[in-house]
Amino acid sequence: MELKRIEQFNDWWTTEKVRANLLKPYKRPLFHDILRYMDDRQIILVYGLRRVGKTTLFYQLIQHLLDEGVDPGNILYFSFDLTKAEIEDVLRTYEQEKLRRNFDTAERIFVFFDEIHKTENWQNELKIFYDLYPNIKFFICGSASINIQKRATESLAGRVYDFMLKPLSFKEFLKLKGVEVEFDEWQIYERRVLPLFHDYLLKGGFPEIVEERSEEKIKNYLRNNVIERIILVDLPAEFGIKDMELLKTLVELVARNPGLRINYDALARDLKRSKPTIINYISYLEYALILKLVRNLRPGFMATSRKMRKAYPNNVAFSHIFAAPEDIGKVIETAVLQELDAEYYFRDNTTEIDFILKDGKIVPVEVKYGKVELKRFLRALDKIELDYGFVITRDIYKEEEINGKRIFMMPAWAFVLFKDEFITKK
């Protein structure tokens, strides 16, 4: 490999700073979380959906190192998304032609590899260099979920800390808009914040379009730079997929029907594909963080049903692209899912609860953005033996006891903004 292929990514070798257009003034909470691990030897793995800011995060970390006095030549960045290369070729060229001394005799070195999953056998190559050269601190990222985590966990056990970078939360979105809401007085902010909430639903927390006003441009950005890029480029490269139309059809089907109960036999029949193909393609979309599957939690909370999984877009903006105006309730349901990152729901023959949180304690959450009717929700609470529940509404805020159960009702925008505070306050 020629050194100039590496130099194009590393302007700070000569300028001693990261280019201003690559940095953003706002630093995500994950930036500060990672700083606590900078002195540890373990590899830092950051994964997440395309265009959520992983590369910007890396540039901000690089600038932090420069500000701390690290020699610019001891910081290497390389993107496998833009250039095909092997990890060993990149590192050996850097060692021989830039450092001009062996890794084992050099000062501490910081290596940032972007979209690392696009090079084959990356986990085993990285393991070799990690074990041979304790003075190299690796930072790696990728736009995938299950596979990159699985490979890192299996091959780099004990050698990696993994972090997920999500789209901007509504709280972060408001901060970028110059609005900060105090939880104790949240109700007085409703008139100011509600329009921004609907703006957030449209943009889904993608940093590059926070200030975009054109709805047409926002939707084109999401289609072209996120969804179609994953469908047409990332997944075919990763899995050798050839039926991109089926991927598109599945994405649109779920985006138009958030909470769709997945029946693989029916989908195979309707889409004229084999059942194994449908199962695989949905798993690919889940892997790429476009879809999220939510499992049916059975009574007793000891098991989940393998059947009747529900599928949602993994980001509210994906739903908004395809939703009709009258489907705003489903869009809101997707926004609540995105904030909760829920893994479960509950359903039997006669009752259903949209989401169940199961993290230390059980938290049932029902979305009623239109007419608020609670009979089925109350029956469901009986079946899972809980005496409380949360109901997410358009504009109702109240707490009441019904049939011995405490029901907490609150507007969707407030719940998405202060979910942890509301649940803790209960």
Protein backbone atom coordinates (compact mmCIF):
# COMPACT_ATOMS: atom_id res chain seq x y z
CA MET A 1 0.00 0.00 0.00
CA GLU A 2 1.21 3.51 -0.80
CA LEU A 3 1.47 5.94 2.10
CA LYS A 4 -0.45 8.61 0.15
CA ARG A 5 -3.59 6.45 0.38
CA ILE A 6 -3.32 6.77 4.15
CA GLU A 7 -2.19 10.39 4.23
CA GLN A 8 -5.42 11.57 2.61
CA PHE A 9 -7.27 10.70 5.84
CA ASN A 10 -4.75 12.27 8.22
CA ASP A 11 -4.40 16.01 7.57
CA TRP A 12 -3.36 16.61 11.19
CA TRP A 13 0.01 15.03 10.43
CA THR A 14 0.89 18.36 8.82
CA THR A 15 -1.71 20.83 10.16
CA GLU A 16 -1.72 19.51 13.77
CA LYS A 17 -5.51 19.78 13.91
CA VAL A 18 -8.61 18.14 12.48
CA ARG A 19 -10.25 20.13 9.68
CA ALA A 20 -13.04 22.32 11.04
CA ASN A 21 -15.62 20.94 8.59
CA LEU A 22 -15.10 17.45 10.02
CA LEU A 23 -15.84 18.53 13.57
CA LYS A 24 -19.15 19.55 15.10
CA PRO A 25 -19.41 21.83 18.15
CA TYR A 26 -21.92 19.58 19.90
CA LYS A 27 -20.45 16.50 21.55
CA ARG A 28 -22.73 13.51 22.13
CA PRO A 29 -22.92 11.98 25.62
CA LEU A 30 -21.05 8.97 24.23
CA PHE A 31 -18.01 11.20 23.59
CA HIS A 32 -17.71 11.87 27.31
CA ASP A 33 -18.38 8.21 28.15
CA ILE A 34 -15.51 7.06 25.93
CA LEU A 35 -13.08 9.57 27.43
CA ARG A 36 -13.22 7.55 30.65
CA TYR A 37 -11.70 4.58 28.80
CA MET A 38 -8.93 6.37 26.91
CA ASP A 39 -6.20 5.16 29.26
CA ASP A 40 -7.39 1.54 29.23
CA ARG A 41 -5.79 -0.89 26.86
CA GLN A 42 -9.04 -2.39 25.54
CA ILE A 43 -10.30 -1.70 22.04
CA ILE A 44 -13.18 0.79 21.80
CA LEU A 45 -15.93 -0.46 19.47
CA VAL A 46 -18.65 1.98 18.36
CA TYR A 47 -21.52 0.68 16.24
CA GLY A 48 -24.80 2.12 15.04
CA LEU A 49 -27.02 3.02 12.12
CA ARG A 50 -25.58 4.86 9.12
CA ARG A 51 -25.33 8.67 9.40
CA VAL A 52 -25.80 8.88 13.18
CA GLY A 53 -22.39 10.50 13.69
CA LYS A 54 -19.83 7.73 14.31
CA THR A 55 -17.20 9.29 12.07
CA THR A 56 -17.77 12.74 13.61
CA LEU A 57 -17.33 11.16 17.05
CA PHE A 58 -13.98 9.71 15.95
CA TYR A 59 -12.78 13.09 14.64
CA GLN A 60 -13.80 14.73 17.93
CA LEU A 61 -11.82 12.10 19.86
CA ILE A 62 -8.82 12.70 17.61
CA GLN A 63 -9.03 16.46 18.20
CA HIS A 64 -9.23 15.78 21.94
CA LEU A 65 -5.99 13.79 21.74
CA LEU A 66 -4.32 16.60 19.81
CA ASP A 67 -5.50 19.12 22.39
CA GLU A 68 -3.99 16.88 25.08
CA GLY A 69 -0.60 17.11 23.41
CA VAL A 70 -0.43 13.75 21.61
CA ASP A 71 2.01 13.82 18.68
CA PRO A 72 -0.14 14.15 15.51
CA GLY A 73 1.95 11.47 13.83
CA ASN A 74 0.95 9.01 16.54
CA ILE A 75 -2.74 9.21 15.54
CA LEU A 76 -3.87 7.13 12.55
CA TYR A 77 -7.33 7.21 10.96
CA PHE A 78 -8.43 5.02 8.06
CA SER A 79 -11.85 4.41 6.53
CA PHE A 80 -12.58 1.04 4.95
CA ASP A 81 -15.85 2.48 3.64
CA LEU A 82 -13.98 4.61 1.12
CA THR A 83 -10.92 2.49 0.32
CA LYS A 84 -10.50 -1.26 0.05
CA ALA A 85 -7.52 -2.42 2.06
CA GLU A 86 -6.27 -4.99 4.52
CA ILE A 87 -5.65 -4.05 8.14
CA GLU A 88 -2.11 -5.43 8.10
CA ASP A 89 -1.22 -3.47 4.96
CA VAL A 90 -2.48 -0.21 6.49
CA LEU A 91 -0.65 -0.73 9.79
CA ARG A 92 2.62 -1.93 8.27
CA THR A 93 2.72 0.96 5.79
CA TYR A 94 2.03 3.40 8.61
CA GLU A 95 4.71 1.76 10.78
CA GLN A 96 7.40 1.68 8.12
CA GLU A 97 6.80 4.87 6.15
CA LYS A 98 5.21 7.29 8.65
CA LEU A 99 6.50 6.28 12.09
CA ARG A 100 9.75 4.89 10.64
CA ARG A 101 10.23 2.82 13.76
CA ASN A 102 8.76 -0.44 14.99
CA PHE A 103 5.48 -0.42 16.89
CA ASP A 104 7.06 -2.12 19.89
CA THR A 105 9.56 0.71 20.33
CA ALA A 106 7.22 3.60 19.55
CA GLU A 107 5.36 5.83 21.97
CA ARG A 108 1.65 5.20 22.56
CA ILE A 109 -0.24 5.12 19.27
CA PHE A 110 -3.95 5.72 18.65
CA VAL A 111 -5.51 3.94 15.67
CA PHE A 112 -9.04 4.73 14.43
CA PHE A 113 -10.56 2.30 11.91
CA ASP A 114 -13.89 3.41 10.39
CA GLU A 115 -16.38 0.88 8.94
CA ILE A 116 -14.00 -1.93 9.88
CA HIS A 117 -16.55 -4.65 9.15
CA LYS A 118 -16.00 -4.01 5.44
CA THR A 119 -12.63 -5.73 5.55
CA GLU A 120 -12.57 -9.52 5.83
CA ASN A 121 -11.41 -11.30 8.96
CA TRP A 122 -10.97 -7.96 10.71
CA GLN A 123 -11.47 -9.35 14.20
CA ASN A 124 -8.64 -11.90 13.93
CA GLU A 125 -6.23 -9.45 12.30
CA LEU A 126 -6.97 -6.91 15.00
CA LYS A 127 -6.46 -9.53 17.70
CA ILE A 128 -2.92 -10.23 16.45
CA PHE A 129 -1.88 -6.57 16.59
CA TYR A 130 -3.63 -6.04 19.93
CA ASP A 131 -1.74 -8.94 21.51
CA LEU A 132 1.61 -8.06 19.93
CA TYR A 133 1.65 -4.32 20.62
CA PRO A 134 0.20 -3.18 23.98
CA ASN A 135 1.08 0.43 23.17
CA ILE A 136 -1.52 0.64 20.36
CA LYS A 137 -4.98 1.86 21.40
CA PHE A 138 -7.57 0.82 18.81
CA PHE A 139 -10.88 2.55 18.11
CA ILE A 140 -13.14 0.77 15.61
CA CYS A 141 -16.63 1.44 14.31
CA GLY A 142 -19.17 -0.08 11.97
CA SER A 143 -22.68 0.50 10.66
CA ALA A 144 -24.06 -2.83 11.75
CA SER A 145 -25.33 -4.41 14.89
CA ILE A 146 -25.51 -8.15 15.43
CA ASN A 147 -22.58 -9.26 13.30
CA ILE A 148 -19.96 -6.76 14.42
CA GLN A 149 -20.84 -7.27 18.08
CA LYS A 150 -20.89 -11.05 17.69
CA ARG A 151 -17.51 -11.19 15.98
CA ALA A 152 -15.94 -8.80 18.48
CA THR A 153 -17.35 -10.69 21.46
CA GLU A 154 -16.27 -14.09 20.15
CA SER A 155 -12.80 -13.26 18.82
CA LEU A 156 -11.83 -10.32 21.01
CA ALA A 157 -13.20 -11.52 24.34
CA GLY A 158 -11.75 -9.41 27.14
CA ARG A 159 -10.12 -7.08 24.62
CA VAL A 160 -13.01 -4.81 23.67
CA TYR A 161 -15.52 -2.36 25.16
CA ASP A 162 -18.52 -1.86 22.88
CA PHE A 163 -20.76 1.20 22.68
CA MET A 164 -23.83 1.86 20.56
CA LEU A 165 -24.22 5.35 19.10
CA LYS A 166 -27.92 5.96 18.59
CA PRO A 167 -29.63 8.77 16.67
CA LEU A 168 -30.08 11.98 18.61
CA SER A 169 -32.56 11.68 21.44
CA PHE A 170 -35.35 14.24 21.56
CA LYS A 171 -33.54 15.88 24.49
CA GLU A 172 -30.36 16.22 22.39
CA PHE A 173 -32.41 17.47 19.44
CA LEU A 174 -33.90 20.22 21.60
CA LYS A 175 -30.47 21.15 22.91
CA LEU A 176 -29.21 21.64 19.36
CA LYS A 177 -32.24 23.86 18.79
CA GLY A 178 -31.28 25.94 21.83
CA VAL A 179 -34.18 24.68 23.98
CA GLU A 180 -33.73 23.10 27.41
CA VAL A 181 -36.74 21.89 29.36
CA GLU A 182 -36.75 21.37 33.12
CA PHE A 183 -38.58 18.23 34.21
CA ASP A 184 -40.18 19.87 37.26
CA GLU A 185 -41.82 22.48 35.01
CA TRP A 186 -42.22 20.54 31.78
CA GLN A 187 -45.90 21.48 31.27
CA ILE A 188 -45.15 25.19 30.76
CA TYR A 189 -42.96 24.32 27.75
CA GLU A 190 -45.62 22.46 25.78
CA ARG A 191 -46.54 25.24 23.34
CA ARG A 192 -42.87 25.86 22.52
CA VAL A 193 -41.77 22.24 22.33
CA LEU A 194 -44.68 20.52 20.55
CA PRO A 195 -43.80 21.87 17.05
CA LEU A 196 -40.21 20.73 17.60
CA PHE A 197 -41.46 17.28 18.59
CA HIS A 198 -43.16 16.90 15.22
CA ASP A 199 -39.99 18.17 13.55
CA TYR A 200 -38.07 15.48 15.43
CA LEU A 201 -40.52 12.78 14.31
CA LEU A 202 -39.83 13.74 10.70
CA LYS A 203 -36.02 13.82 11.08
CA GLY A 204 -35.57 10.88 13.42
CA GLY A 205 -32.55 12.31 15.22
CA PHE A 206 -30.13 12.21 12.26
CA PRO A 207 -27.59 14.98 13.00
CA GLU A 208 -27.01 16.20 9.43
CA ILE A 209 -30.65 17.20 8.87
CA VAL A 210 -31.42 18.84 12.22
CA GLU A 211 -31.62 22.28 10.59
CA GLU A 212 -33.12 21.22 7.25
CA ARG A 213 -36.54 22.81 6.61
CA SER A 214 -37.58 21.13 3.36
CA GLU A 215 -39.65 18.01 4.03
CA GLU A 216 -38.86 16.77 0.52
CA LYS A 217 -35.11 17.07 1.13
CA ILE A 218 -35.40 15.38 4.53
CA LYS A 219 -37.22 12.38 3.06
CA ASN A 220 -34.80 12.17 0.11
CA TYR A 221 -31.85 12.25 2.52
CA LEU A 222 -33.28 9.40 4.56
CA ARG A 223 -34.17 7.33 1.52
CA ASN A 224 -30.92 7.86 -0.41
CA ASN A 225 -28.27 8.16 2.30
CA VAL A 226 -29.62 5.71 4.84
CA ILE A 227 -32.23 3.20 3.67
CA GLU A 228 -31.22 2.70 0.04
CA ARG A 229 -27.51 2.86 0.84
CA ILE A 230 -27.98 -0.02 3.28
CA ILE A 231 -30.26 -1.99 0.94
CA LEU A 232 -28.32 -1.47 -2.29
CA VAL A 233 -24.73 -1.37 -1.01
CA ASP A 234 -24.15 -2.55 2.56
CA LEU A 235 -26.30 -5.68 2.75
CA PRO A 236 -25.41 -7.04 -0.71
CA ALA A 237 -21.71 -6.58 0.10
CA GLU A 238 -22.07 -8.28 3.49
CA PHE A 239 -24.37 -11.18 2.55
CA GLY A 240 -24.25 -11.44 -1.24
CA ILE A 241 -27.94 -10.48 -1.48
CA LYS A 242 -29.34 -10.19 -5.00
CA ASP A 243 -33.05 -9.60 -4.37
CA MET A 244 -32.91 -5.95 -3.32
CA GLU A 245 -36.54 -5.47 -4.34
CA LEU A 246 -37.60 -7.89 -1.62
CA LEU A 247 -35.61 -5.87 0.94
CA LYS A 248 -37.32 -2.68 -0.22
CA THR A 249 -40.74 -4.32 -0.08
CA LEU A 250 -40.21 -5.56 3.47
CA VAL A 251 -38.97 -2.17 4.65
CA GLU A 252 -41.93 -0.34 3.14
CA LEU A 253 -44.39 -2.94 4.46
CA VAL A 254 -43.20 -2.52 8.04
CA ALA A 255 -42.76 1.26 7.76
CA ARG A 256 -46.37 1.61 6.61
CA ASN A 257 -47.57 -0.76 9.34
CA PRO A 258 -45.46 -0.26 12.49
CA GLY A 259 -46.15 -3.05 14.96
CA LEU A 260 -46.87 -5.52 12.14
CA ARG A 261 -47.18 -9.04 13.53
CA ILE A 262 -44.81 -11.20 11.54
CA ASN A 263 -46.32 -14.30 9.97
CA TYR A 264 -43.56 -15.81 7.85
CA ASP A 265 -45.86 -18.28 6.10
CA ALA A 266 -48.27 -15.52 5.06
CA LEU A 267 -45.45 -13.24 3.94
CA ALA A 268 -43.89 -16.03 1.89
CA ARG A 269 -47.24 -16.71 0.22
CA ASP A 270 -48.07 -13.04 -0.43
CA LEU A 271 -44.60 -12.07 -1.64
CA LYS A 272 -44.08 -15.31 -3.59
CA ARG A 273 -40.78 -16.14 -1.92
CA SER A 274 -39.74 -19.10 0.18
CA LYS A 275 -40.22 -18.96 3.94
CA PRO A 276 -36.44 -19.33 4.64
CA THR A 277 -35.80 -16.39 2.30
CA ILE A 278 -38.30 -14.18 4.15
CA ILE A 279 -36.79 -15.17 7.51
CA ASN A 280 -33.27 -14.41 6.29
CA TYR A 281 -34.14 -11.08 4.69
CA ILE A 282 -35.92 -9.82 7.79
CA SER A 283 -32.90 -10.85 9.86
CA TYR A 284 -30.65 -8.89 7.47
CA LEU A 285 -32.76 -5.76 7.96
CA GLU A 286 -32.67 -6.26 11.69
CA TYR A 287 -28.88 -6.70 11.52
CA ALA A 288 -28.60 -3.42 9.61
CA LEU A 289 -30.70 -1.61 12.25
CA ILE A 290 -33.48 -0.71 9.82
CA LEU A 291 -36.07 -2.97 11.48
CA LYS A 292 -36.58 -3.97 15.09
CA LEU A 293 -38.41 -7.11 16.18
CA VAL A 294 -40.28 -7.08 19.49
CA ARG A 295 -41.07 -10.40 21.19
CA ASN A 296 -44.28 -11.46 22.88
CA LEU A 297 -43.64 -11.83 26.60
CA ARG A 298 -45.66 -14.62 28.11
CA PRO A 299 -47.41 -14.48 31.51
CA GLY A 300 -45.01 -15.07 34.38
CA PHE A 301 -42.28 -13.26 32.40
CA MET A 302 -40.21 -16.41 32.26
CA ALA A 303 -40.35 -16.96 28.52
CA THR A 304 -41.07 -15.28 25.22
CA SER A 305 -43.04 -16.69 22.35
CA ARG A 306 -41.11 -17.44 19.18
CA LYS A 307 -44.28 -16.70 17.27
CA MET A 308 -46.15 -13.43 16.90
CA ARG A 309 -43.15 -11.15 16.89
CA LYS A 310 -43.96 -7.57 15.96
CA ALA A 311 -41.82 -5.58 13.53
CA TYR A 312 -41.21 -1.83 13.69
CA PRO A 313 -39.00 0.57 11.80
CA ASN A 314 -35.96 1.05 14.01
CA ASN A 315 -36.25 4.81 13.59
CA VAL A 316 -39.38 6.95 13.68
CA ALA A 317 -38.33 8.84 10.53
CA PHE A 318 -38.50 5.63 8.48
CA SER A 319 -42.15 5.34 9.45
CA HIS A 320 -42.77 9.01 8.68
CA ILE A 321 -41.47 8.57 5.11
CA PHE A 322 -44.30 6.21 4.23
CA ALA A 323 -47.03 7.15 6.71
CA ALA A 324 -50.30 8.79 5.67
CA PRO A 325 -51.40 11.82 7.74
CA GLU A 326 -54.08 9.75 9.47
CA ASP A 327 -51.43 7.26 10.64
CA ILE A 328 -49.81 9.66 13.11
CA GLY A 329 -50.72 7.30 15.98
CA LYS A 330 -48.49 4.59 14.49
CA VAL A 331 -45.70 7.11 13.99
CA ILE A 332 -45.98 8.07 17.66
CA GLU A 333 -45.92 4.38 18.63
CA THR A 334 -42.65 4.03 16.71
CA ALA A 335 -41.23 7.10 18.46
CA VAL A 336 -42.07 5.58 21.84
CA LEU A 337 -40.43 2.31 20.80
CA GLN A 338 -37.32 4.18 19.70
CA GLU A 339 -37.05 5.95 23.05
CA LEU A 340 -37.79 2.83 25.10
CA ASP A 341 -35.70 0.49 22.95
CA ALA A 342 -38.25 -2.07 24.09
CA GLU A 343 -37.64 -5.78 23.55
CA TYR A 344 -41.09 -7.07 24.51
CA TYR A 345 -44.83 -6.61 24.22
CA PHE A 346 -47.75 -8.66 25.56
CA ARG A 347 -50.61 -10.18 23.62
CA ASP A 348 -53.06 -13.01 24.08
CA ASN A 349 -56.38 -13.76 22.37
CA THR A 350 -58.23 -10.73 23.73
CA THR A 351 -55.75 -8.21 25.15
CA GLU A 352 -52.49 -6.51 24.24
CA ILE A 353 -49.96 -4.08 25.71
CA ASP A 354 -47.79 -2.25 23.18
CA PHE A 355 -44.50 -2.45 25.09
CA ILE A 356 -43.15 -4.15 28.18
CA LEU A 357 -39.89 -3.01 29.75
CA LYS A 358 -38.17 -5.78 31.66
CA ASP A 359 -35.07 -4.31 33.26
CA GLY A 360 -35.08 -4.92 36.99
CA LYS A 361 -38.81 -4.21 37.14
CA ILE A 362 -41.72 -4.67 34.76
CA VAL A 363 -43.03 -1.49 33.13
CA PRO A 364 -46.08 -1.77 30.83
CA VAL A 365 -46.52 1.04 28.29
CA GLU A 366 -49.56 1.52 26.06
CA VAL A 367 -49.80 4.15 23.30
CA LYS A 368 -53.26 5.77 22.88
CA TYR A 369 -52.66 8.81 20.71
CA GLY A 370 -56.27 8.98 19.57
CA LYS A 371 -59.26 8.07 21.69
CA VAL A 372 -58.17 6.86 25.13
CA GLU A 373 -60.05 3.63 25.91
CA LEU A 374 -58.56 1.59 28.76
CA LYS A 375 -60.73 -1.53 29.17
CA ARG A 376 -58.43 -3.87 27.21
CA PHE A 377 -55.34 -2.37 28.83
CA LEU A 378 -56.79 -2.94 32.30
CA ARG A 379 -57.68 -6.55 31.42
CA ALA A 380 -54.13 -7.07 30.17
CA LEU A 381 -52.73 -5.73 33.42
CA ASP A 382 -54.90 -8.26 35.25
CA LYS A 383 -53.51 -11.10 33.15
CA ILE A 384 -49.89 -10.15 33.81
CA GLU A 385 -50.70 -9.42 37.45
CA LEU A 386 -49.57 -5.78 37.56
CA ASP A 387 -51.34 -2.97 39.38
CA TYR A 388 -49.95 -0.03 37.39
CA GLY A 389 -49.27 1.05 33.84
CA PHE A 390 -48.32 3.98 31.60
CA VAL A 391 -50.57 5.29 28.84
CA ILE A 392 -49.03 7.62 26.25
CA THR A 393 -51.56 10.13 24.89
CA ARG A 394 -51.79 13.15 22.61
CA ASP A 395 -52.39 15.75 25.32
CA ILE A 396 -53.72 14.15 28.53
CA TYR A 397 -51.70 14.30 31.72
CA LYS A 398 -53.17 12.76 34.83
CA GLU A 399 -52.80 9.96 37.34
CA GLU A 400 -55.83 8.00 38.40
CA GLU A 401 -56.78 4.76 40.09
CA ILE A 402 -59.09 2.48 38.14
CA ASN A 403 -60.20 -0.89 39.52
CA GLY A 404 -57.32 -0.86 41.96
CA LYS A 405 -54.71 -0.01 39.32
CA ARG A 406 -52.70 3.17 39.11
CA ILE A 407 -52.71 4.53 35.57
CA PHE A 408 -50.23 7.25 34.61
CA MET A 409 -51.26 9.17 31.49
CA MET A 410 -48.96 11.66 29.82
CA PRO A 411 -48.42 13.36 26.44
CA ALA A 412 -46.14 11.56 23.99
CA TRP A 413 -43.70 14.46 23.62
CA ALA A 414 -43.20 14.68 27.39
CA PHE A 415 -42.74 10.92 27.78
CA VAL A 416 -40.20 10.74 24.95
CA LEU A 417 -38.33 13.64 26.56
CA PHE A 418 -38.48 12.48 30.19
CA LYS A 419 -39.13 8.74 30.07
CA ASP A 420 -36.66 7.88 32.83
CA GLU A 421 -37.93 10.61 35.14
CA PHE A 422 -41.58 9.60 34.72
CA ILE A 423 -40.88 5.92 35.30
CA THR A 424 -38.70 6.61 38.32
CA LYS A 425 -41.24 9.04 39.78
CA LYS A 426 -43.91 6.33 39.69
